C-alpha atoms as a PDB file:
ATOM      1  CA  MET A   1    -122.890 174.758 -76.962  1.00  0.00           C
ATOM      2  CA  ASN A   2    -124.273 177.749 -78.886  1.00  0.00           C
ATOM      3  CA  ILE A   3    -124.201 178.309 -82.657  1.00  0.00           C
ATOM      4  CA  TRP A   4    -120.792 180.021 -82.482  1.00  0.00           C
ATOM      5  CA  GLY A   5    -119.261 177.006 -80.762  1.00  0.00           C
ATOM      6  CA  ARG A   6    -120.914 174.631 -83.218  1.00  0.00           C
ATOM      7  CA  ILE A   7    -119.534 176.523 -86.204  1.00  0.00           C
ATOM      8  CA  LEU A   8    -116.016 176.416 -84.769  1.00  0.00           C
ATOM      9  CA  SER A   9    -116.396 172.734 -83.964  1.00  0.00           C
ATOM     10  CA  TRP A  10    -117.619 171.914 -87.491  1.00  0.00           C
ATOM     11  CA  PHE A  11    -114.382 173.378 -88.841  1.00  0.00           C
ATOM     12  CA  GLY A  12    -112.217 171.558 -86.283  1.00  0.00           C
ATOM     13  CA  TRP A  13    -111.409 174.531 -84.025  1.00  0.00           C
ATOM     14  CA  LYS A  14    -111.170 174.302 -80.230  1.00  0.00           C
ATOM     15  CA  VAL A  15    -111.546 177.154 -77.761  1.00  0.00           C
ATOM     16  CA  GLU A  16    -109.332 177.141 -74.675  1.00  0.00           C
ATOM     17  CA  ILE A  17    -109.952 180.318 -72.720  1.00  0.00           C
ATOM     18  CA  THR A  18    -108.706 179.795 -69.194  1.00  0.00           C
ATOM     19  CA  ALA A  19    -107.945 183.399 -68.226  1.00  0.00           C
ATOM     20  CA  PRO A  20    -110.514 184.705 -65.751  1.00  0.00           C
ATOM     21  CA  ARG A  21    -113.718 186.237 -67.049  1.00  0.00           C
ATOM     22  CA  ARG A  22    -113.496 189.993 -66.521  1.00  0.00           C
ATOM     23  CA  ASP A  23    -115.993 192.804 -66.865  1.00  0.00           C
ATOM     24  CA  LYS A  24    -113.149 194.998 -68.090  1.00  0.00           C
ATOM     25  CA  CYS A  25    -109.959 193.963 -69.858  1.00  0.00           C
ATOM     26  CA  VAL A  26    -107.887 194.461 -72.963  1.00  0.00           C
ATOM     27  CA  ILE A  27    -107.381 191.333 -75.058  1.00  0.00           C
ATOM     28  CA  CYS A  28    -104.122 191.400 -76.987  1.00  0.00           C
ATOM     29  CA  VAL A  29    -104.449 189.094 -80.017  1.00  0.00           C
ATOM     30  CA  ALA A  30    -101.357 187.985 -81.940  1.00  0.00           C
ATOM     31  CA  PRO A  31    -100.194 186.914 -84.404  1.00  0.00           C
ATOM     32  CA  HIS A  32    -102.532 188.817 -86.706  1.00  0.00           C
ATOM     33  CA  THR A  33    -101.814 187.712 -90.276  1.00  0.00           C
ATOM     34  CA  SER A  34    -105.264 187.197 -91.831  1.00  0.00           C
ATOM     35  CA  ASN A  35    -108.746 188.701 -91.915  1.00  0.00           C
ATOM     36  CA  TRP A  36    -109.981 185.283 -90.739  1.00  0.00           C
ATOM     37  CA  ASP A  37    -108.473 186.121 -87.321  1.00  0.00           C
ATOM     38  CA  PHE A  38    -111.348 188.510 -86.690  1.00  0.00           C
ATOM     39  CA  LEU A  39    -114.085 185.976 -87.439  1.00  0.00           C
ATOM     40  CA  LEU A  40    -112.404 183.165 -85.508  1.00  0.00           C
ATOM     41  CA  GLY A  41    -111.723 185.354 -82.472  1.00  0.00           C
ATOM     42  CA  LEU A  42    -115.253 186.725 -82.469  1.00  0.00           C
ATOM     43  CA  ALA A  43    -116.761 183.239 -82.765  1.00  0.00           C
ATOM     44  CA  ALA A  44    -114.531 181.911 -79.965  1.00  0.00           C
ATOM     45  CA  TYR A  45    -115.515 184.650 -77.551  1.00  0.00           C
ATOM     46  CA  LYS A  46    -119.202 184.404 -78.414  1.00  0.00           C
ATOM     47  CA  SER A  47    -119.053 180.610 -78.048  1.00  0.00           C
ATOM     48  CA  LEU A  48    -118.502 181.257 -74.337  1.00  0.00           C
ATOM     49  CA  GLY A  49    -121.400 183.710 -74.163  1.00  0.00           C
ATOM     50  CA  ARG A  50    -119.070 186.694 -73.867  1.00  0.00           C
ATOM     51  CA  GLU A  51    -119.204 190.009 -75.678  1.00  0.00           C
ATOM     52  CA  ALA A  52    -116.127 191.795 -76.973  1.00  0.00           C
ATOM     53  CA  ASN A  53    -115.378 195.103 -78.576  1.00  0.00           C
ATOM     54  CA  PHE A  54    -112.783 195.437 -81.301  1.00  0.00           C
ATOM     55  CA  LEU A  55    -111.020 198.157 -83.233  1.00  0.00           C
ATOM     56  CA  MET A  56    -111.431 198.250 -86.999  1.00  0.00           C
ATOM     57  CA  LYS A  57    -110.583 200.754 -89.708  1.00  0.00           C
ATOM     58  CA  GLU A  58    -113.329 203.359 -90.085  1.00  0.00           C
ATOM     59  CA  PHE A  59    -113.383 202.495 -93.793  1.00  0.00           C
ATOM     60  CA  TRP A  60    -115.419 199.328 -93.046  1.00  0.00           C
ATOM     61  CA  PHE A  61    -118.166 201.211 -91.195  1.00  0.00           C
ATOM     62  CA  PHE A  62    -120.379 202.039 -94.176  1.00  0.00           C
ATOM     63  CA  PHE A  63    -124.039 201.127 -94.614  1.00  0.00           C
ATOM     64  CA  PRO A  64    -125.176 198.380 -94.144  1.00  0.00           C
ATOM     65  CA  PHE A  65    -121.942 196.897 -92.682  1.00  0.00           C
ATOM     66  CA  ASN A  66    -121.814 199.606 -90.013  1.00  0.00           C
ATOM     67  CA  LEU A  67    -125.036 198.230 -88.529  1.00  0.00           C
ATOM     68  CA  ILE A  68    -123.550 194.744 -88.261  1.00  0.00           C
ATOM     69  CA  LEU A  69    -120.130 195.887 -87.021  1.00  0.00           C
ATOM     70  CA  ASN A  70    -121.660 198.177 -84.395  1.00  0.00           C
ATOM     71  CA  LYS A  71    -123.932 195.368 -83.188  1.00  0.00           C
ATOM     72  CA  LEU A  72    -120.933 193.029 -82.922  1.00  0.00           C
ATOM     73  CA  GLY A  73    -118.998 195.577 -80.808  1.00  0.00           C
ATOM     74  CA  GLY A  74    -116.932 197.337 -83.444  1.00  0.00           C
ATOM     75  CA  ILE A  75    -115.214 200.627 -82.700  1.00  0.00           C
ATOM     76  CA  PRO A  76    -114.196 202.555 -85.840  1.00  0.00           C
ATOM     77  CA  VAL A  77    -110.655 203.901 -85.986  1.00  0.00           C
ATOM     78  CA  PRO A  78    -110.343 207.000 -88.185  1.00  0.00           C
ATOM     79  CA  ARG A  79    -107.478 206.764 -90.678  1.00  0.00           C
ATOM     80  CA  LYS A  80    -106.111 210.189 -89.747  1.00  0.00           C
ATOM     81  CA  SER A  81    -106.587 209.650 -86.014  1.00  0.00           C
ATOM     82  CA  THR A  82    -103.672 210.293 -83.715  1.00  0.00           C
ATOM     83  CA  GLY A  83    -102.968 207.418 -81.362  1.00  0.00           C
ATOM     84  CA  GLY A  84    -103.179 209.623 -78.287  1.00  0.00           C
ATOM     85  CA  ALA A  85    -106.729 210.801 -78.992  1.00  0.00           C
ATOM     86  CA  LEU A  86    -107.973 207.251 -79.564  1.00  0.00           C
ATOM     87  CA  VAL A  87    -106.214 205.963 -76.440  1.00  0.00           C
ATOM     88  CA  SER A  88    -107.750 208.756 -74.321  1.00  0.00           C
ATOM     89  CA  HIS A  89    -111.201 208.076 -75.760  1.00  0.00           C
ATOM     90  CA  LEU A  90    -110.913 204.348 -75.021  1.00  0.00           C
ATOM     91  CA  ILE A  91    -109.655 204.958 -71.461  1.00  0.00           C
ATOM     92  CA  ASP A  92    -112.738 207.145 -70.922  1.00  0.00           C
ATOM     93  CA  ASP A  93    -114.916 204.333 -72.312  1.00  0.00           C
ATOM     94  CA  PHE A  94    -113.408 201.892 -69.808  1.00  0.00           C
ATOM     95  CA  LYS A  95    -114.076 204.300 -66.962  1.00  0.00           C
ATOM     96  CA  SER A  96    -117.678 205.035 -67.955  1.00  0.00           C
ATOM     97  CA  ARG A  97    -118.941 201.628 -69.064  1.00  0.00           C
ATOM     98  CA  PRO A  98    -119.699 198.694 -66.763  1.00  0.00           C
ATOM     99  CA  TYR A  99    -118.460 196.115 -69.287  1.00  0.00           C
ATOM    100  CA  ILE A 100    -115.814 196.297 -71.990  1.00  0.00           C
ATOM    101  CA  ASN A 101    -113.528 193.546 -73.227  1.00  0.00           C
ATOM    102  CA  LEU A 102    -111.505 195.249 -75.952  1.00  0.00           C
ATOM    103  CA  ALA A 103    -109.696 193.034 -78.471  1.00  0.00           C
ATOM    104  CA  VAL A 104    -106.650 194.687 -80.033  1.00  0.00           C
ATOM    105  CA  THR A 105    -104.046 193.420 -82.479  1.00  0.00           C
ATOM    106  CA  PRO A 106    -100.754 195.017 -81.393  1.00  0.00           C
ATOM    107  CA  GLU A 107     -99.233 194.770 -84.857  1.00  0.00           C
ATOM    108  CA  GLY A 108    -101.988 197.058 -86.153  1.00  0.00           C
ATOM    109  CA  THR A 109    -101.751 195.349 -89.547  1.00  0.00           C
ATOM    110  CA  ARG A 110    -101.703 191.918 -91.129  1.00  0.00           C
ATOM    111  CA  SER A 111     -98.297 192.676 -92.628  1.00  0.00           C
ATOM    112  CA  LYS A 112     -94.991 191.831 -90.964  1.00  0.00           C
ATOM    113  CA  ARG A 113     -94.171 194.469 -88.362  1.00  0.00           C
ATOM    114  CA  LYS A 114     -91.537 194.235 -85.631  1.00  0.00           C
ATOM    115  CA  ASP A 115     -92.402 197.531 -83.948  1.00  0.00           C
ATOM    116  CA  TRP A 116     -95.729 196.746 -82.315  1.00  0.00           C
ATOM    117  CA  ARG A 117     -98.035 199.582 -81.366  1.00  0.00           C
ATOM    118  CA  THR A 118     -98.197 200.421 -77.678  1.00  0.00           C
ATOM    119  CA  GLY A 119    -101.775 201.707 -77.554  1.00  0.00           C
ATOM    120  CA  PHE A 120    -103.144 198.520 -75.988  1.00  0.00           C
ATOM    121  CA  LEU A 121    -100.609 198.855 -73.149  1.00  0.00           C
ATOM    122  CA  ARG A 122    -101.408 202.532 -72.625  1.00  0.00           C
ATOM    123  CA  ILE A 123    -105.161 201.839 -72.650  1.00  0.00           C
ATOM    124  CA  ALA A 124    -104.881 199.028 -70.100  1.00  0.00           C
ATOM    125  CA  TYR A 125    -102.579 201.033 -67.834  1.00  0.00           C
ATOM    126  CA  GLY A 126    -104.693 204.218 -68.049  1.00  0.00           C
ATOM    127  CA  ALA A 127    -107.903 202.301 -67.395  1.00  0.00           C
ATOM    128  CA  ALA A 128    -106.285 200.137 -64.683  1.00  0.00           C
ATOM    129  CA  VAL A 129    -107.406 196.888 -66.319  1.00  0.00           C
ATOM    130  CA  PRO A 130    -105.540 193.642 -67.056  1.00  0.00           C
ATOM    131  CA  ILE A 131    -104.356 192.504 -70.458  1.00  0.00           C
ATOM    132  CA  GLN A 132    -105.287 188.992 -71.506  1.00  0.00           C
ATOM    133  CA  LEU A 133    -103.040 187.433 -74.136  1.00  0.00           C
ATOM    134  CA  GLY A 134    -104.902 185.711 -76.948  1.00  0.00           C
ATOM    135  CA  VAL A 135    -103.723 183.488 -79.792  1.00  0.00           C
ATOM    136  CA  ILE A 136    -105.476 182.130 -82.850  1.00  0.00           C
ATOM    137  CA  ASP A 137    -103.236 179.158 -83.588  1.00  0.00           C
ATOM    138  CA  TYR A 138    -103.815 177.846 -87.096  1.00  0.00           C
ATOM    139  CA  SER A 139    -101.186 175.116 -86.638  1.00  0.00           C
ATOM    140  CA  THR A 140    -103.223 173.419 -83.880  1.00  0.00           C
ATOM    141  CA  LYS A 141    -106.651 174.941 -84.662  1.00  0.00           C
ATOM    142  CA  LYS A 142    -106.899 176.297 -81.120  1.00  0.00           C
ATOM    143  CA  ILE A 143    -108.026 179.705 -79.953  1.00  0.00           C
ATOM    144  CA  LEU A 144    -106.367 180.482 -76.637  1.00  0.00           C
ATOM    145  CA  ILE A 145    -106.545 183.103 -73.942  1.00  0.00           C
ATOM    146  CA  GLU A 146    -104.562 181.609 -71.104  1.00  0.00           C
ATOM    147  CA  LYS A 147    -102.328 184.323 -69.693  1.00  0.00           C
ATOM    148  CA  GLU A 148    -103.151 187.616 -68.047  1.00  0.00           C
ATOM    149  CA  ILE A 149    -100.784 190.444 -67.145  1.00  0.00           C
ATOM    150  CA  PHE A 150    -101.220 193.720 -65.323  1.00  0.00           C
ATOM    151  CA  PRO A 151     -99.367 196.574 -67.032  1.00  0.00           C
ATOM    152  CA  THR A 152     -96.837 198.476 -64.956  1.00  0.00           C
ATOM    153  CA  GLY A 153     -96.759 201.650 -67.040  1.00  0.00           C
ATOM    154  CA  ASN A 154     -93.230 200.891 -68.209  1.00  0.00           C
ATOM    155  CA  LEU A 155     -93.991 200.465 -71.926  1.00  0.00           C
ATOM    156  CA  ASP A 156     -90.672 198.822 -72.797  1.00  0.00           C
ATOM    157  CA  ALA A 157     -90.815 196.286 -69.957  1.00  0.00           C
ATOM    158  CA  ASP A 158     -94.498 195.524 -70.524  1.00  0.00           C
ATOM    159  CA  MET A 159     -93.985 195.073 -74.270  1.00  0.00           C
ATOM    160  CA  LEU A 160     -91.055 192.736 -73.596  1.00  0.00           C
ATOM    161  CA  THR A 161     -93.298 190.637 -71.320  1.00  0.00           C
ATOM    162  CA  VAL A 162     -95.971 190.457 -74.015  1.00  0.00           C
ATOM    163  CA  LYS A 163     -93.552 189.628 -76.832  1.00  0.00           C
ATOM    164  CA  ASN A 164     -91.799 186.998 -74.704  1.00  0.00           C
ATOM    165  CA  TYR A 165     -95.133 185.240 -74.277  1.00  0.00           C
ATOM    166  CA  TYR A 166     -95.719 185.162 -78.028  1.00  0.00           C
ATOM    167  CA  THR A 167     -92.305 183.671 -78.873  1.00  0.00           C
ATOM    168  CA  LYS A 168     -93.775 180.178 -78.583  1.00  0.00           C
ATOM    169  CA  PHE A 169     -96.445 181.111 -81.148  1.00  0.00           C
ATOM    170  CA  GLN A 170     -94.208 182.289 -83.987  1.00  0.00           C
ATOM    171  CA  LEU A 171     -95.684 179.652 -86.331  1.00  0.00           C
ATOM    172  CA  ALA A 172     -99.294 180.052 -85.123  1.00  0.00           C
ATOM    173  CA  GLY A 173    -100.490 182.617 -87.671  1.00  0.00           C
ATOM    174  CA  LYS A 174    -102.319 181.660 -90.829  1.00  0.00           C
ATOM    175  CA  TYR A 175     -99.318 183.156 -92.662  1.00  0.00           C
ATOM    176  CA  PRO A 176     -96.381 182.677 -90.243  1.00  0.00           C
ATOM    177  CA  ASP A 177     -93.985 184.603 -92.499  1.00  0.00           C
ATOM    178  CA  LYS A 178     -96.031 187.762 -91.776  1.00  0.00           C
ATOM    179  CA  PHE A 179     -95.449 187.583 -88.000  1.00  0.00           C
ATOM    180  CA  ALA A 180     -92.489 189.260 -86.348  1.00  0.00           C
ATOM    181  CA  LEU A 181     -91.447 189.869 -82.787  1.00  0.00           C
END
């Protein structure tokens, strides 16, 4: 067990990642109700010796934090960015890089939001990579990635599949009242 796994263990967290290890995938993480989700998810993935990239507001990429966030796999998202430009850029990254596991929170915010963003679906479909469904379950102190789906390109049907999976995790968030399907 590495330091990341030890830290999680000290705080009573367990990591149960049973989805196959992939060189390229999108990791959908929900519910996202706290900034702690980032640290727990990062520690869980690193506890298995895996690297992940993640999207974060460009605001956080200032010196010296930009050095740390870049080293950890952060990808800054400009505030005024249009979703289409970012999606295209990330699809190109998937096609040009040998390894990318991109963690995305479909809500796009820690606030309650029923209309999830579809960028993670469009990225996975455009890059022809699977989506692994991740959960940081505060009620059981488990970090899970157990299901994998392959997007069809039908955004409505794919989103329904994703949201149906998360119905059993409606109370999993640190602040369950901030999670909506």
